[in-house]
Amino acid sequence: MTMKKGIKWLKRWLIYVSVCGLIKLMCLLPRRAAIAVMRGVGLGAFCLLKSKRERMVQHLGMAFGNEKSSDEIKKIARQVFLNIGTCAADAIRIPQLIEDRMENLITIEGREHIDRVFSSGQSAIFLTAHFGNWELLGAWFAKNGYPVKVVGAQNHDPRLDKLIVGTRNQAGYTNITRKSNTRDILRAIRDGYLIGMLIDQDTKVEGVFVKFFNQWAHTAIGPVVLAKKYDLKIIPVFMRLNSDLTYHMEVQEPLKLEFTDDIKHDLVVNTQKCSDTYERIIRRFPEQWVWMHRRWKKQPQAIN
């Protein structure tokens, strides 16, 4: 093993051991204490991880530079870390939350949009983002009797991936690895599952360039392709964290998709509708999104 590989192995091992320790601690503590610990971790990360903090401030400036002051942007960046800590504590403790009547923590609006599709026995896509507590969102669906599968990227560390997938399965919703055989997704559609998809990050998947906060962003076309091919509704669903540490789930009307004989045009137009949907809710609650992500990493001129 080379020195470089050895350092990489040690770093991953330390991260894995730390995560396992945090999970055990979170499961032992009452909810409020667990949240306090993880908010402390989040605040520490804000103070110590200079590169991520600066990147977040830069991205917030790109999105809100003409609307918010420098002090407001820094305040939002700090709150993002605190919110991530809170949501991480609850995501880790999902099995305990389910036992302790999770529904008491969550209010919901627009549930009729899900029920209207679900009662027909048809599959649908619920479009969400790395916003608020997206893991708890999946658990809510499963707990309330909706068959749900989520499409997610595989973690680079197989041990961490096993922990994440295991938590999702324990909560009652199944993970479909993004790079796995598409037969898993097609089988889920055939069986009437709700398919959760997050396309608010720049990932290595087939996509098109659409606007996100008036900047070009490479965006996955998966939901639009499936909606067109299998006549599925795309229903935007978001779960945000409230200031009192409860959650509010917002289910919006299905997107009004436009399909013509021009496939490329349709992909761009409808993917833009998806992007606009999560941009609107991020504008309303900017402290709930993961601004450290390099959302505008790829640009049109860089694609040949």
C-alpha atoms as a PDB file:
ATOM      1  CA  MET A   1       0.000   0.000   0.000  1.00  0.00           C
ATOM      2  CA  THR A   2       1.406   3.406  -0.999  1.00  0.00           C
ATOM      3  CA  MET A   3       1.571   6.308   1.444  1.00  0.00           C
ATOM      4  CA  LYS A   4      -1.228   8.105  -0.405  1.00  0.00           C
ATOM      5  CA  LYS A   5      -3.510   5.056  -0.326  1.00  0.00           C
ATOM      6  CA  GLY A   6      -2.662   4.478   3.316  1.00  0.00           C
ATOM      7  CA  ILE A   7      -3.668   8.015   4.273  1.00  0.00           C
ATOM      8  CA  LYS A   8      -6.874   7.688   2.286  1.00  0.00           C
ATOM      9  CA  TRP A   9      -7.683   4.358   3.991  1.00  0.00           C
ATOM     10  CA  LEU A  10      -6.983   5.847   7.437  1.00  0.00           C
ATOM     11  CA  LYS A  11      -9.154   8.881   6.713  1.00  0.00           C
ATOM     12  CA  ARG A  12     -12.072   6.705   5.632  1.00  0.00           C
ATOM     13  CA  TRP A  13     -11.622   4.419   8.627  1.00  0.00           C
ATOM     14  CA  LEU A  14     -11.641   7.377  11.036  1.00  0.00           C
ATOM     15  CA  ILE A  15     -14.771   8.776   9.394  1.00  0.00           C
ATOM     16  CA  TYR A  16     -16.502   5.411   9.578  1.00  0.00           C
ATOM     17  CA  VAL A  17     -15.588   4.868  13.244  1.00  0.00           C
ATOM     18  CA  SER A  18     -16.706   8.412  14.100  1.00  0.00           C
ATOM     19  CA  VAL A  19     -20.022   7.948  12.305  1.00  0.00           C
ATOM     20  CA  CYS A  20     -20.641   4.620  14.072  1.00  0.00           C
ATOM     21  CA  GLY A  21     -19.887   6.259  17.415  1.00  0.00           C
ATOM     22  CA  LEU A  22     -22.249   9.146  16.706  1.00  0.00           C
ATOM     23  CA  ILE A  23     -25.020   6.781  15.646  1.00  0.00           C
ATOM     24  CA  LYS A  24     -24.724   4.803  18.880  1.00  0.00           C
ATOM     25  CA  LEU A  25     -24.722   8.000  20.921  1.00  0.00           C
ATOM     26  CA  MET A  26     -27.728   9.448  19.074  1.00  0.00           C
ATOM     27  CA  CYS A  27     -29.722   6.276  19.674  1.00  0.00           C
ATOM     28  CA  LEU A  28     -28.989   6.363  23.409  1.00  0.00           C
ATOM     29  CA  LEU A  29     -29.905  10.009  23.953  1.00  0.00           C
ATOM     30  CA  PRO A  30     -33.376  11.584  24.130  1.00  0.00           C
ATOM     31  CA  ARG A  31     -34.290  13.534  20.992  1.00  0.00           C
ATOM     32  CA  ARG A  32     -33.566  17.023  22.342  1.00  0.00           C
ATOM     33  CA  ALA A  33     -30.182  15.962  23.726  1.00  0.00           C
ATOM     34  CA  ALA A  34     -29.286  14.236  20.447  1.00  0.00           C
ATOM     35  CA  ILE A  35     -30.192  17.377  18.527  1.00  0.00           C
ATOM     36  CA  ALA A  36     -28.107  19.527  20.896  1.00  0.00           C
ATOM     37  CA  VAL A  37     -25.074  17.311  20.276  1.00  0.00           C
ATOM     38  CA  MET A  38     -25.478  17.360  16.511  1.00  0.00           C
ATOM     39  CA  ARG A  39     -26.116  21.112  16.407  1.00  0.00           C
ATOM     40  CA  GLY A  40     -22.856  21.445  18.298  1.00  0.00           C
ATOM     41  CA  VAL A  41     -21.174  19.304  15.652  1.00  0.00           C
ATOM     42  CA  GLY A  42     -22.743  21.490  12.968  1.00  0.00           C
ATOM     43  CA  LEU A  43     -21.552  24.692  14.614  1.00  0.00           C
ATOM     44  CA  GLY A  44     -18.074  23.224  15.001  1.00  0.00           C
ATOM     45  CA  ALA A  45     -18.062  22.315  11.315  1.00  0.00           C
ATOM     46  CA  PHE A  46     -19.094  25.876  10.415  1.00  0.00           C
ATOM     47  CA  CYS A  47     -16.191  27.286  12.417  1.00  0.00           C
ATOM     48  CA  LEU A  48     -13.533  24.752  11.448  1.00  0.00           C
ATOM     49  CA  LEU A  49     -14.301  23.799   7.841  1.00  0.00           C
ATOM     50  CA  LYS A  50     -13.156  27.021   6.257  1.00  0.00           C
ATOM     51  CA  SER A  51     -13.280  25.831   2.634  1.00  0.00           C
ATOM     52  CA  LYS A  52     -16.871  24.576   2.918  1.00  0.00           C
ATOM     53  CA  ARG A  53     -17.954  27.715   4.771  1.00  0.00           C
ATOM     54  CA  GLU A  54     -16.408  29.969   2.135  1.00  0.00           C
ATOM     55  CA  ARG A  55     -17.889  27.905  -0.681  1.00  0.00           C
ATOM     56  CA  MET A  56     -21.304  28.144   0.912  1.00  0.00           C
ATOM     57  CA  VAL A  57     -21.035  31.925   1.293  1.00  0.00           C
ATOM     58  CA  GLN A  58     -19.885  32.149  -2.341  1.00  0.00           C
ATOM     59  CA  HIS A  59     -22.853  30.119  -3.582  1.00  0.00           C
ATOM     60  CA  LEU A  60     -25.316  32.093  -1.477  1.00  0.00           C
ATOM     61  CA  GLY A  61     -23.802  35.239  -2.940  1.00  0.00           C
ATOM     62  CA  MET A  62     -24.312  33.905  -6.465  1.00  0.00           C
ATOM     63  CA  ALA A  63     -27.961  33.225  -5.685  1.00  0.00           C
ATOM     64  CA  PHE A  64     -28.839  36.203  -3.477  1.00  0.00           C
ATOM     65  CA  GLY A  65     -26.028  38.705  -3.983  1.00  0.00           C
ATOM     66  CA  ASN A  66     -28.397  41.392  -5.214  1.00  0.00           C
ATOM     67  CA  GLU A  67     -31.087  40.605  -2.645  1.00  0.00           C
ATOM     68  CA  LYS A  68     -29.304  39.986   0.671  1.00  0.00           C
ATOM     69  CA  SER A  69     -26.495  41.709   2.523  1.00  0.00           C
ATOM     70  CA  SER A  70     -23.181  40.070   3.367  1.00  0.00           C
ATOM     71  CA  ASP A  71     -24.252  39.741   7.008  1.00  0.00           C
ATOM     72  CA  GLU A  72     -27.544  38.093   6.007  1.00  0.00           C
ATOM     73  CA  ILE A  73     -25.716  35.605   3.803  1.00  0.00           C
ATOM     74  CA  LYS A  74     -23.275  34.691   6.594  1.00  0.00           C
ATOM     75  CA  LYS A  75     -26.204  34.247   8.995  1.00  0.00           C
ATOM     76  CA  ILE A  76     -27.929  31.893   6.543  1.00  0.00           C
ATOM     77  CA  ALA A  77     -24.698  29.904   6.077  1.00  0.00           C
ATOM     78  CA  ARG A  78     -24.352  29.415   9.837  1.00  0.00           C
ATOM     79  CA  GLN A  79     -27.987  28.338  10.127  1.00  0.00           C
ATOM     80  CA  VAL A  80     -27.530  25.782   7.330  1.00  0.00           C
ATOM     81  CA  PHE A  81     -24.940  23.948   9.434  1.00  0.00           C
ATOM     82  CA  LEU A  82     -27.204  24.030  12.501  1.00  0.00           C
ATOM     83  CA  ASN A  83     -30.164  22.739  10.500  1.00  0.00           C
ATOM     84  CA  ILE A  84     -28.102  19.942   8.967  1.00  0.00           C
ATOM     85  CA  GLY A  85     -27.071  18.914  12.481  1.00  0.00           C
ATOM     86  CA  THR A  86     -30.691  18.857  13.637  1.00  0.00           C
ATOM     87  CA  CYS A  87     -31.920  16.889  10.635  1.00  0.00           C
ATOM     88  CA  ALA A  88     -28.997  14.463  10.874  1.00  0.00           C
ATOM     89  CA  ALA A  89     -29.881  13.711  14.505  1.00  0.00           C
ATOM     90  CA  ASP A  90     -33.470  12.926  13.537  1.00  0.00           C
ATOM     91  CA  ALA A  91     -32.435  10.952  10.443  1.00  0.00           C
ATOM     92  CA  ILE A  92     -30.157   8.759  12.570  1.00  0.00           C
ATOM     93  CA  ARG A  93     -32.940   8.278  15.114  1.00  0.00           C
ATOM     94  CA  ILE A  94     -35.725   7.480  12.612  1.00  0.00           C
ATOM     95  CA  PRO A  95     -36.453   4.044  14.176  1.00  0.00           C
ATOM     96  CA  GLN A  96     -36.890   5.733  17.572  1.00  0.00           C
ATOM     97  CA  LEU A  97     -39.001   8.511  16.068  1.00  0.00           C
ATOM     98  CA  ILE A  98     -41.312   5.924  14.520  1.00  0.00           C
ATOM     99  CA  GLU A  99     -41.722   4.212  17.894  1.00  0.00           C
ATOM    100  CA  ASP A 100     -42.388   7.576  19.579  1.00  0.00           C
ATOM    101  CA  ARG A 101     -45.208   8.530  17.185  1.00  0.00           C
ATOM    102  CA  MET A 102     -43.291  10.397  14.506  1.00  0.00           C
ATOM    103  CA  GLU A 103     -46.515  11.940  13.190  1.00  0.00           C
ATOM    104  CA  ASN A 104     -46.689  14.163  16.289  1.00  0.00           C
ATOM    105  CA  LEU A 105     -43.628  16.016  14.979  1.00  0.00           C
ATOM    106  CA  ILE A 106     -44.930  16.552  11.447  1.00  0.00           C
ATOM    107  CA  THR A 107     -47.703  18.680   9.992  1.00  0.00           C
ATOM    108  CA  ILE A 108     -48.696  18.252   6.361  1.00  0.00           C
ATOM    109  CA  GLU A 109     -50.436  20.239   3.664  1.00  0.00           C
ATOM    110  CA  GLY A 110     -51.504  19.036   0.231  1.00  0.00           C
ATOM    111  CA  ARG A 111     -51.747  15.355   1.091  1.00  0.00           C
ATOM    112  CA  GLU A 112     -54.699  15.066  -1.257  1.00  0.00           C
ATOM    113  CA  HIS A 113     -52.332  15.372  -4.230  1.00  0.00           C
ATOM    114  CA  ILE A 114     -50.608  12.134  -3.207  1.00  0.00           C
ATOM    115  CA  ASP A 115     -53.827  10.354  -2.301  1.00  0.00           C
ATOM    116  CA  ARG A 116     -55.454  11.214  -5.607  1.00  0.00           C
ATOM    117  CA  VAL A 117     -52.695   9.395  -7.503  1.00  0.00           C
ATOM    118  CA  PHE A 118     -52.232   6.648  -4.927  1.00  0.00           C
ATOM    119  CA  SER A 119     -55.918   5.739  -4.866  1.00  0.00           C
ATOM    120  CA  SER A 120     -55.772   5.078  -8.611  1.00  0.00           C
ATOM    121  CA  GLY A 121     -53.146   2.391  -8.045  1.00  0.00           C
ATOM    122  CA  GLN A 122     -50.742   4.176 -10.362  1.00  0.00           C
ATOM    123  CA  SER A 123     -47.086   4.811  -9.693  1.00  0.00           C
ATOM    124  CA  ALA A 124     -45.826   8.389  -9.429  1.00  0.00           C
ATOM    125  CA  ILE A 125     -42.593  10.282  -8.940  1.00  0.00           C
ATOM    126  CA  PHE A 126     -42.224  12.432  -5.876  1.00  0.00           C
ATOM    127  CA  LEU A 127     -39.666  15.114  -6.598  1.00  0.00           C
ATOM    128  CA  THR A 128     -37.751  16.455  -3.641  1.00  0.00           C
ATOM    129  CA  ALA A 129     -34.344  17.967  -2.900  1.00  0.00           C
ATOM    130  CA  HIS A 130     -31.519  17.910  -0.380  1.00  0.00           C
ATOM    131  CA  PHE A 131     -33.700  20.280   1.573  1.00  0.00           C
ATOM    132  CA  GLY A 132     -34.847  20.095   5.180  1.00  0.00           C
ATOM    133  CA  ASN A 133     -35.042  16.475   6.278  1.00  0.00           C
ATOM    134  CA  TRP A 134     -35.365  14.450   3.091  1.00  0.00           C
ATOM    135  CA  GLU A 135     -34.624  11.176   4.906  1.00  0.00           C
ATOM    136  CA  LEU A 136     -37.523  11.700   7.317  1.00  0.00           C
ATOM    137  CA  LEU A 137     -39.712  12.428   4.298  1.00  0.00           C
ATOM    138  CA  GLY A 138     -39.199   8.894   2.997  1.00  0.00           C
ATOM    139  CA  ALA A 139     -39.886   7.464   6.455  1.00  0.00           C
ATOM    140  CA  TRP A 140     -43.157   9.405   6.672  1.00  0.00           C
ATOM    141  CA  PHE A 141     -44.382   7.921   3.392  1.00  0.00           C
ATOM    142  CA  ALA A 142     -43.563   4.384   4.509  1.00  0.00           C
ATOM    143  CA  LYS A 143     -45.049   4.862   7.987  1.00  0.00           C
ATOM    144  CA  ASN A 144     -48.303   6.115   6.488  1.00  0.00           C
ATOM    145  CA  GLY A 145     -48.798   3.140   4.208  1.00  0.00           C
ATOM    146  CA  TYR A 146     -47.439   4.442   0.901  1.00  0.00           C
ATOM    147  CA  PRO A 147     -45.178   1.957  -0.904  1.00  0.00           C
ATOM    148  CA  VAL A 148     -42.076   3.986  -1.654  1.00  0.00           C
ATOM    149  CA  LYS A 149     -38.625   3.495  -3.119  1.00  0.00           C
ATOM    150  CA  VAL A 150     -35.968   6.183  -3.402  1.00  0.00           C
ATOM    151  CA  VAL A 151     -33.258   6.501  -6.035  1.00  0.00           C
ATOM    152  CA  GLY A 152     -29.961   7.501  -4.455  1.00  0.00           C
ATOM    153  CA  ALA A 153     -26.254   7.577  -5.155  1.00  0.00           C
ATOM    154  CA  GLN A 154     -24.071   4.927  -3.587  1.00  0.00           C
ATOM    155  CA  ASN A 155     -21.698   6.223  -0.914  1.00  0.00           C
ATOM    156  CA  HIS A 156     -18.015   5.943  -1.841  1.00  0.00           C
ATOM    157  CA  ASP A 157     -17.412   3.939   1.348  1.00  0.00           C
ATOM    158  CA  PRO A 158     -19.343   0.627   1.184  1.00  0.00           C
ATOM    159  CA  ARG A 159     -19.510   0.497   4.986  1.00  0.00           C
ATOM    160  CA  LEU A 160     -21.205   3.889   5.210  1.00  0.00           C
ATOM    161  CA  ASP A 161     -23.467   2.985   2.314  1.00  0.00           C
ATOM    162  CA  LYS A 162     -24.569  -0.130   4.188  1.00  0.00           C
ATOM    163  CA  LEU A 163     -25.439   1.999   7.236  1.00  0.00           C
ATOM    164  CA  ILE A 164     -27.461   4.488   5.156  1.00  0.00           C
ATOM    165  CA  VAL A 165     -29.341   1.829   3.199  1.00  0.00           C
ATOM    166  CA  GLY A 166     -29.946  -0.163   6.370  1.00  0.00           C
ATOM    167  CA  THR A 167     -31.526   2.829   8.088  1.00  0.00           C
ATOM    168  CA  ARG A 168     -33.787   3.427   5.094  1.00  0.00           C
ATOM    169  CA  ASN A 169     -34.851  -0.206   4.948  1.00  0.00           C
ATOM    170  CA  GLN A 170     -35.516  -0.220   8.696  1.00  0.00           C
ATOM    171  CA  ALA A 171     -37.716   2.844   8.229  1.00  0.00           C
ATOM    172  CA  GLY A 172     -39.754   0.930   5.635  1.00  0.00           C
ATOM    173  CA  TYR A 173     -38.631   2.446   2.372  1.00  0.00           C
ATOM    174  CA  THR A 174     -36.299   0.775  -0.088  1.00  0.00           C
ATOM    175  CA  ASN A 175     -33.210   2.258  -1.662  1.00  0.00           C
ATOM    176  CA  ILE A 176     -32.518   1.887  -5.394  1.00  0.00           C
ATOM    177  CA  THR A 177     -28.889   2.602  -6.204  1.00  0.00           C
ATOM    178  CA  ARG A 178     -28.658   5.181  -8.966  1.00  0.00           C
ATOM    179  CA  LYS A 179     -26.190   3.112 -10.995  1.00  0.00           C
ATOM    180  CA  SER A 180     -28.071  -0.162 -10.577  1.00  0.00           C
ATOM    181  CA  ASN A 181     -30.014  -1.899 -13.307  1.00  0.00           C
ATOM    182  CA  THR A 182     -32.985   0.227 -14.405  1.00  0.00           C
ATOM    183  CA  ARG A 183     -35.104  -2.910 -14.078  1.00  0.00           C
ATOM    184  CA  ASP A 184     -35.406  -2.116 -10.357  1.00  0.00           C
ATOM    185  CA  ILE A 185     -37.058   1.208 -11.170  1.00  0.00           C
ATOM    186  CA  LEU A 186     -39.265  -0.277 -13.879  1.00  0.00           C
ATOM    187  CA  ARG A 187     -40.373  -3.063 -11.541  1.00  0.00           C
ATOM    188  CA  ALA A 188     -41.252  -0.478  -8.885  1.00  0.00           C
ATOM    189  CA  ILE A 189     -43.307   1.501 -11.407  1.00  0.00           C
ATOM    190  CA  ARG A 190     -45.118  -1.644 -12.482  1.00  0.00           C
ATOM    191  CA  ASP A 191     -45.909  -2.474  -8.860  1.00  0.00           C
ATOM    192  CA  GLY A 192     -47.351   0.966  -8.128  1.00  0.00           C
ATOM    193  CA  TYR A 193     -44.579   2.366  -5.933  1.00  0.00           C
ATOM    194  CA  LEU A 194     -43.976   6.040  -5.377  1.00  0.00           C
ATOM    195  CA  ILE A 195     -40.470   6.753  -6.684  1.00  0.00           C
ATOM    196  CA  GLY A 196     -38.519   9.389  -4.785  1.00  0.00           C
ATOM    197  CA  MET A 197     -35.978  11.310  -6.856  1.00  0.00           C
ATOM    198  CA  LEU A 198     -33.628  14.177  -5.978  1.00  0.00           C
ATOM    199  CA  ILE A 199     -32.151  16.073  -8.924  1.00  0.00           C
ATOM    200  CA  ASP A 200     -30.906  19.241  -7.214  1.00  0.00           C
ATOM    201  CA  GLN A 201     -27.223  18.292  -7.380  1.00  0.00           C
ATOM    202  CA  ASP A 202     -24.622  18.137 -10.137  1.00  0.00           C
ATOM    203  CA  THR A 203     -23.992  14.397 -10.462  1.00  0.00           C
ATOM    204  CA  LYS A 204     -22.623  12.044 -13.104  1.00  0.00           C
ATOM    205  CA  VAL A 205     -25.937  11.208 -14.736  1.00  0.00           C
ATOM    206  CA  GLU A 206     -27.553  12.033 -18.059  1.00  0.00           C
ATOM    207  CA  GLY A 207     -28.882  15.562 -17.924  1.00  0.00           C
ATOM    208  CA  VAL A 208     -29.462  18.909 -19.585  1.00  0.00           C
ATOM    209  CA  PHE A 209     -28.548  22.468 -18.688  1.00  0.00           C
ATOM    210  CA  VAL A 210     -31.333  24.545 -17.178  1.00  0.00           C
ATOM    211  CA  LYS A 211     -31.357  27.669 -15.025  1.00  0.00           C
ATOM    212  CA  PHE A 212     -31.067  27.481 -11.240  1.00  0.00           C
ATOM    213  CA  PHE A 213     -30.966  30.880  -9.519  1.00  0.00           C
ATOM    214  CA  ASN A 214     -30.316  32.358 -12.964  1.00  0.00           C
ATOM    215  CA  GLN A 215     -27.143  30.265 -13.420  1.00  0.00           C
ATOM    216  CA  TRP A 216     -26.765  27.312 -15.764  1.00  0.00           C
ATOM    217  CA  ALA A 217     -26.890  24.032 -13.845  1.00  0.00           C
ATOM    218  CA  HIS A 218     -26.514  20.504 -15.201  1.00  0.00           C
ATOM    219  CA  THR A 219     -29.684  18.708 -14.111  1.00  0.00           C
ATOM    220  CA  ALA A 220     -30.746  15.063 -14.297  1.00  0.00           C
ATOM    221  CA  ILE A 221     -33.514  14.228 -16.759  1.00  0.00           C
ATOM    222  CA  GLY A 222     -34.544  10.952 -15.116  1.00  0.00           C
ATOM    223  CA  PRO A 223     -37.907  12.108 -13.713  1.00  0.00           C
ATOM    224  CA  VAL A 224     -38.983  13.668 -17.013  1.00  0.00           C
ATOM    225  CA  VAL A 225     -37.923  10.620 -19.057  1.00  0.00           C
ATOM    226  CA  LEU A 226     -39.895   8.289 -16.766  1.00  0.00           C
ATOM    227  CA  ALA A 227     -42.909  10.602 -16.666  1.00  0.00           C
ATOM    228  CA  LYS A 228     -43.062  10.708 -20.456  1.00  0.00           C
ATOM    229  CA  LYS A 229     -42.442   7.008 -21.073  1.00  0.00           C
ATOM    230  CA  TYR A 230     -44.803   5.649 -18.404  1.00  0.00           C
ATOM    231  CA  ASP A 231     -47.333   8.489 -18.148  1.00  0.00           C
ATOM    232  CA  LEU A 232     -46.420   9.313 -14.544  1.00  0.00           C
ATOM    233  CA  LYS A 233     -47.196  12.369 -12.455  1.00  0.00           C
ATOM    234  CA  ILE A 234     -44.307  14.307 -10.934  1.00  0.00           C
ATOM    235  CA  ILE A 235     -45.390  15.522  -7.500  1.00  0.00           C
ATOM    236  CA  PRO A 236     -43.071  17.958  -5.670  1.00  0.00           C
ATOM    237  CA  VAL A 237     -42.783  17.141  -1.944  1.00  0.00           C
ATOM    238  CA  PHE A 238     -40.596  18.906   0.626  1.00  0.00           C
ATOM    239  CA  MET A 239     -40.161  18.561   4.386  1.00  0.00           C
ATOM    240  CA  ARG A 240     -38.766  21.603   6.131  1.00  0.00           C
ATOM    241  CA  LEU A 241     -37.550  22.059   9.680  1.00  0.00           C
ATOM    242  CA  ASN A 242     -39.468  24.546  11.840  1.00  0.00           C
ATOM    243  CA  SER A 243     -37.892  26.807  14.434  1.00  0.00           C
ATOM    244  CA  ASP A 244     -39.496  24.761  17.237  1.00  0.00           C
ATOM    245  CA  LEU A 245     -37.746  21.606  15.904  1.00  0.00           C
ATOM    246  CA  THR A 246     -40.921  20.143  14.423  1.00  0.00           C
ATOM    247  CA  TYR A 247     -41.362  19.614  10.670  1.00  0.00           C
ATOM    248  CA  HIS A 248     -43.786  20.725   7.997  1.00  0.00           C
ATOM    249  CA  MET A 249     -44.347  18.613   4.896  1.00  0.00           C
ATOM    250  CA  GLU A 250     -45.515  20.454   1.793  1.00  0.00           C
ATOM    251  CA  VAL A 251     -47.036  18.433  -1.041  1.00  0.00           C
ATOM    252  CA  GLN A 252     -47.573  20.498  -4.178  1.00  0.00           C
ATOM    253  CA  GLU A 253     -49.792  19.913  -7.176  1.00  0.00           C
ATOM    254  CA  PRO A 254     -48.347  17.639  -9.870  1.00  0.00           C
ATOM    255  CA  LEU A 255     -46.233  19.524 -12.372  1.00  0.00           C
ATOM    256  CA  LYS A 256     -47.946  20.509 -15.598  1.00  0.00           C
ATOM    257  CA  LEU A 257     -45.601  18.841 -18.046  1.00  0.00           C
ATOM    258  CA  GLU A 258     -45.482  19.705 -21.751  1.00  0.00           C
ATOM    259  CA  PHE A 259     -44.809  17.025 -24.337  1.00  0.00           C
ATOM    260  CA  THR A 260     -44.501  17.577 -28.091  1.00  0.00           C
ATOM    261  CA  ASP A 261     -42.819  15.793 -30.987  1.00  0.00           C
ATOM    262  CA  ASP A 262     -39.528  17.544 -30.132  1.00  0.00           C
ATOM    263  CA  ILE A 263     -37.955  15.267 -27.510  1.00  0.00           C
ATOM    264  CA  LYS A 264     -34.909  17.442 -26.806  1.00  0.00           C
ATOM    265  CA  HIS A 265     -37.067  20.522 -26.380  1.00  0.00           C
ATOM    266  CA  ASP A 266     -39.386  18.651 -24.019  1.00  0.00           C
ATOM    267  CA  LEU A 267     -36.511  17.444 -21.858  1.00  0.00           C
ATOM    268  CA  VAL A 268     -35.232  20.985 -21.365  1.00  0.00           C
ATOM    269  CA  VAL A 269     -38.646  22.580 -20.803  1.00  0.00           C
ATOM    270  CA  ASN A 270     -39.851  20.006 -18.295  1.00  0.00           C
ATOM    271  CA  THR A 271     -36.535  19.684 -16.474  1.00  0.00           C
ATOM    272  CA  GLN A 272     -36.628  23.463 -16.112  1.00  0.00           C
ATOM    273  CA  LYS A 273     -40.043  23.087 -14.482  1.00  0.00           C
ATOM    274  CA  CYS A 274     -38.508  20.665 -11.977  1.00  0.00           C
ATOM    275  CA  SER A 275     -35.620  23.049 -11.275  1.00  0.00           C
ATOM    276  CA  ASP A 276     -37.977  26.014 -10.869  1.00  0.00           C
ATOM    277  CA  THR A 277     -40.022  24.035  -8.360  1.00  0.00           C
ATOM    278  CA  TYR A 278     -37.228  23.396  -5.917  1.00  0.00           C
ATOM    279  CA  GLU A 279     -35.686  26.817  -6.527  1.00  0.00           C
ATOM    280  CA  ARG A 280     -38.930  28.426  -5.345  1.00  0.00           C
ATOM    281  CA  ILE A 281     -38.959  26.606  -2.031  1.00  0.00           C
ATOM    282  CA  ILE A 282     -35.225  27.178  -1.519  1.00  0.00           C
ATOM    283  CA  ARG A 283     -35.814  30.904  -2.084  1.00  0.00           C
ATOM    284  CA  ARG A 284     -38.461  30.818   0.637  1.00  0.00           C
ATOM    285  CA  PHE A 285     -36.278  28.851   3.062  1.00  0.00           C
ATOM    286  CA  PRO A 286     -32.632  29.237   1.968  1.00  0.00           C
ATOM    287  CA  GLU A 287     -31.315  27.993   5.322  1.00  0.00           C
ATOM    288  CA  GLN A 288     -32.764  24.547   4.562  1.00  0.00           C
ATOM    289  CA  TRP A 289     -30.642  23.675   1.497  1.00  0.00           C
ATOM    290  CA  VAL A 290     -27.069  22.307   1.207  1.00  0.00           C
ATOM    291  CA  TRP A 291     -25.282  25.340  -0.224  1.00  0.00           C
ATOM    292  CA  MET A 292     -21.835  23.758   0.153  1.00  0.00           C
ATOM    293  CA  HIS A 293     -22.601  21.541  -2.861  1.00  0.00           C
ATOM    294  CA  ARG A 294     -20.996  22.632  -6.159  1.00  0.00           C
ATOM    295  CA  ARG A 295     -24.311  23.001  -7.952  1.00  0.00           C
ATOM    296  CA  TRP A 296     -22.891  25.018 -10.852  1.00  0.00           C
ATOM    297  CA  LYS A 297     -19.738  22.909 -11.311  1.00  0.00           C
ATOM    298  CA  LYS A 298     -20.376  21.941 -14.958  1.00  0.00           C
ATOM    299  CA  GLN A 299     -21.152  24.663 -17.445  1.00  0.00           C
ATOM    300  CA  PRO A 300     -22.379  24.445 -21.071  1.00  0.00           C
ATOM    301  CA  GLN A 301     -19.117  25.650 -22.596  1.00  0.00           C
ATOM    302  CA  ALA A 302     -17.248  22.865 -20.797  1.00  0.00           C
ATOM    303  CA  ILE A 303     -19.331  20.162 -22.482  1.00  0.00           C
ATOM    304  CA  ASN A 304     -18.093  19.211 -25.952  1.00  0.00           C
END
